[in-house]
Amino acid sequence: MKKILKFRPIFYFALLAFFALLPLSLIEEHSFCPLYLMTGLKCLGCGVTRGFCAFMHFDFAAAFGYNSVFTCAVFPICIFLMLEDSLVLLLCYKNKTTRRSFLEQGVGAVFDLFKGRN
């Protein structure tokens, strides 16, 4: 399990690079939202993928147009959590110490919450 943790920063970088290299024209015309496809109604998450792609291409106006809540709040928080998690993992690997990042603490709390229900 510890070996897998070392690859999380590489996964984060690959994920961001994928969306940065993905052409916007490939996803602009299509909706991936099941609610929108079945009913024609937009949900709160509609436009997140397109907004994420536009943000990674530094087209902030288009990203804001696709989903303003994601662009202003969720995306910066996600980037912060990925960077902080990567930094903690790299420092722990370098210093041979153990410390949990905010992301690990949050995921652990969610698992503990669901584990307590059973």
Protein backbone atom coordinates (compact mmCIF):
# COMPACT_ATOMS: atom_id res chain seq x y z
CA MET A 1 0.00 0.00 0.00
CA LYS A 2 2.84 2.40 0.80
CA LYS A 3 4.28 1.97 -2.70
CA ILE A 4 0.96 3.07 -4.20
CA LEU A 5 1.03 6.30 -2.18
CA LYS A 6 4.21 7.41 -3.94
CA PHE A 7 2.38 7.40 -7.27
CA ARG A 8 -0.41 9.79 -6.22
CA PRO A 9 1.51 12.94 -7.28
CA ILE A 10 2.17 11.31 -10.65
CA PHE A 11 -1.53 10.48 -10.96
CA TYR A 12 -2.48 14.09 -10.15
CA PHE A 13 -0.05 15.41 -12.75
CA ALA A 14 -1.30 12.94 -15.38
CA LEU A 15 -4.92 13.88 -14.67
CA LEU A 16 -4.22 17.60 -15.02
CA ALA A 17 -2.11 17.03 -18.14
CA PHE A 18 -4.89 14.92 -19.70
CA PHE A 19 -7.45 17.71 -19.29
CA ALA A 20 -4.94 20.35 -20.39
CA LEU A 21 -4.20 18.44 -23.60
CA LEU A 22 -7.79 17.37 -24.30
CA PRO A 23 -9.17 19.61 -27.05
CA LEU A 24 -12.17 21.65 -25.91
CA SER A 25 -13.90 21.04 -29.24
CA LEU A 26 -14.04 17.33 -28.40
CA ILE A 27 -16.30 17.84 -25.38
CA GLU A 28 -18.00 21.19 -26.01
CA GLU A 29 -20.82 19.80 -28.11
CA HIS A 30 -21.67 16.78 -25.95
CA SER A 31 -23.25 16.51 -22.52
CA PHE A 32 -22.24 13.66 -20.24
CA CYS A 33 -24.87 14.40 -17.60
CA PRO A 34 -27.39 11.53 -17.31
CA LEU A 35 -30.08 13.86 -15.91
CA TYR A 36 -29.68 16.27 -18.82
CA LEU A 37 -29.65 13.44 -21.37
CA MET A 38 -32.87 11.92 -19.99
CA THR A 39 -34.87 15.03 -19.07
CA GLY A 40 -33.21 18.02 -20.73
CA LEU A 41 -32.86 19.72 -17.33
CA LYS A 42 -29.46 20.95 -16.18
CA CYS A 43 -28.26 19.82 -12.75
CA LEU A 44 -25.77 21.58 -10.44
CA GLY A 45 -22.92 19.57 -11.93
CA CYS A 46 -23.67 20.33 -15.57
CA GLY A 47 -20.69 21.93 -17.25
CA VAL A 48 -18.11 20.77 -14.70
CA THR A 49 -16.11 18.67 -17.19
CA ARG A 50 -16.18 21.41 -19.81
CA GLY A 51 -15.40 24.03 -17.16
CA PHE A 52 -12.47 21.97 -15.87
CA CYS A 53 -11.11 21.58 -19.40
CA ALA A 54 -11.52 25.30 -20.12
CA PHE A 55 -9.82 26.15 -16.82
CA MET A 56 -6.89 23.91 -17.71
CA HIS A 57 -6.61 25.75 -21.03
CA PHE A 58 -6.59 29.06 -19.10
CA ASP A 59 -9.89 30.11 -20.66
CA PHE A 60 -11.38 31.38 -17.40
CA ALA A 61 -14.31 33.21 -18.99
CA ALA A 62 -15.50 30.04 -20.72
CA ALA A 63 -14.95 28.01 -17.54
CA PHE A 64 -17.04 30.50 -15.58
CA GLY A 65 -19.76 30.29 -18.24
CA TYR A 66 -19.95 26.49 -18.09
CA ASN A 67 -20.24 26.26 -14.30
CA SER A 68 -19.49 29.32 -12.18
CA VAL A 69 -19.65 27.57 -8.78
CA PHE A 70 -17.12 24.96 -9.84
CA THR A 71 -14.79 27.54 -11.36
CA CYS A 72 -14.83 29.89 -8.36
CA ALA A 73 -14.94 27.45 -5.45
CA VAL A 74 -14.54 23.75 -6.14
CA PHE A 75 -11.67 23.78 -8.65
CA PRO A 76 -9.31 25.94 -6.52
CA ILE A 77 -10.05 23.78 -3.47
CA CYS A 78 -9.33 20.60 -5.47
CA ILE A 79 -6.05 22.03 -6.77
CA PHE A 80 -5.04 23.05 -3.23
CA LEU A 81 -5.83 19.57 -1.88
CA MET A 82 -3.87 17.85 -4.66
CA LEU A 83 -0.84 20.11 -4.19
CA GLU A 84 -0.91 19.79 -0.40
CA ASP A 85 -1.31 16.01 -0.60
CA SER A 86 1.59 15.74 -3.06
CA LEU A 87 3.80 17.95 -0.89
CA VAL A 88 3.02 15.95 2.27
CA LEU A 89 3.69 12.65 0.48
CA LEU A 90 6.99 13.87 -0.95
CA LEU A 91 8.15 15.31 2.39
CA CYS A 92 7.18 12.12 4.22
CA TYR A 93 9.04 10.06 1.65
CA LYS A 94 12.11 12.29 1.90
CA ASN A 95 12.16 12.55 5.71
CA LYS A 96 10.95 8.97 6.38
CA THR A 97 8.13 10.26 8.58
CA THR A 98 4.38 9.74 8.57
CA ARG A 99 1.85 12.53 8.37
CA ARG A 100 -1.64 12.59 6.91
CA SER A 101 -2.59 15.29 4.42
CA PHE A 102 -5.91 17.13 4.50
CA LEU A 103 -7.14 14.89 1.68
CA GLU A 104 -6.26 11.70 3.57
CA GLN A 105 -7.88 13.04 6.73
CA GLY A 106 -11.07 13.94 4.85
CA VAL A 107 -11.31 10.61 3.06
CA GLY A 108 -10.57 8.80 6.33
CA ALA A 109 -13.32 10.74 8.11
CA VAL A 110 -15.84 9.81 5.40
CA PHE A 111 -14.86 6.13 5.62
CA ASP A 112 -15.11 6.24 9.42
CA LEU A 113 -18.55 7.83 9.14
CA PHE A 114 -19.84 5.09 6.84
CA LYS A 115 -18.10 2.37 8.84
CA GLY A 116 -19.84 3.61 11.99
CA ARG A 117 -23.27 3.22 10.36
CA ASN A 118 -22.87 -0.52 9.84
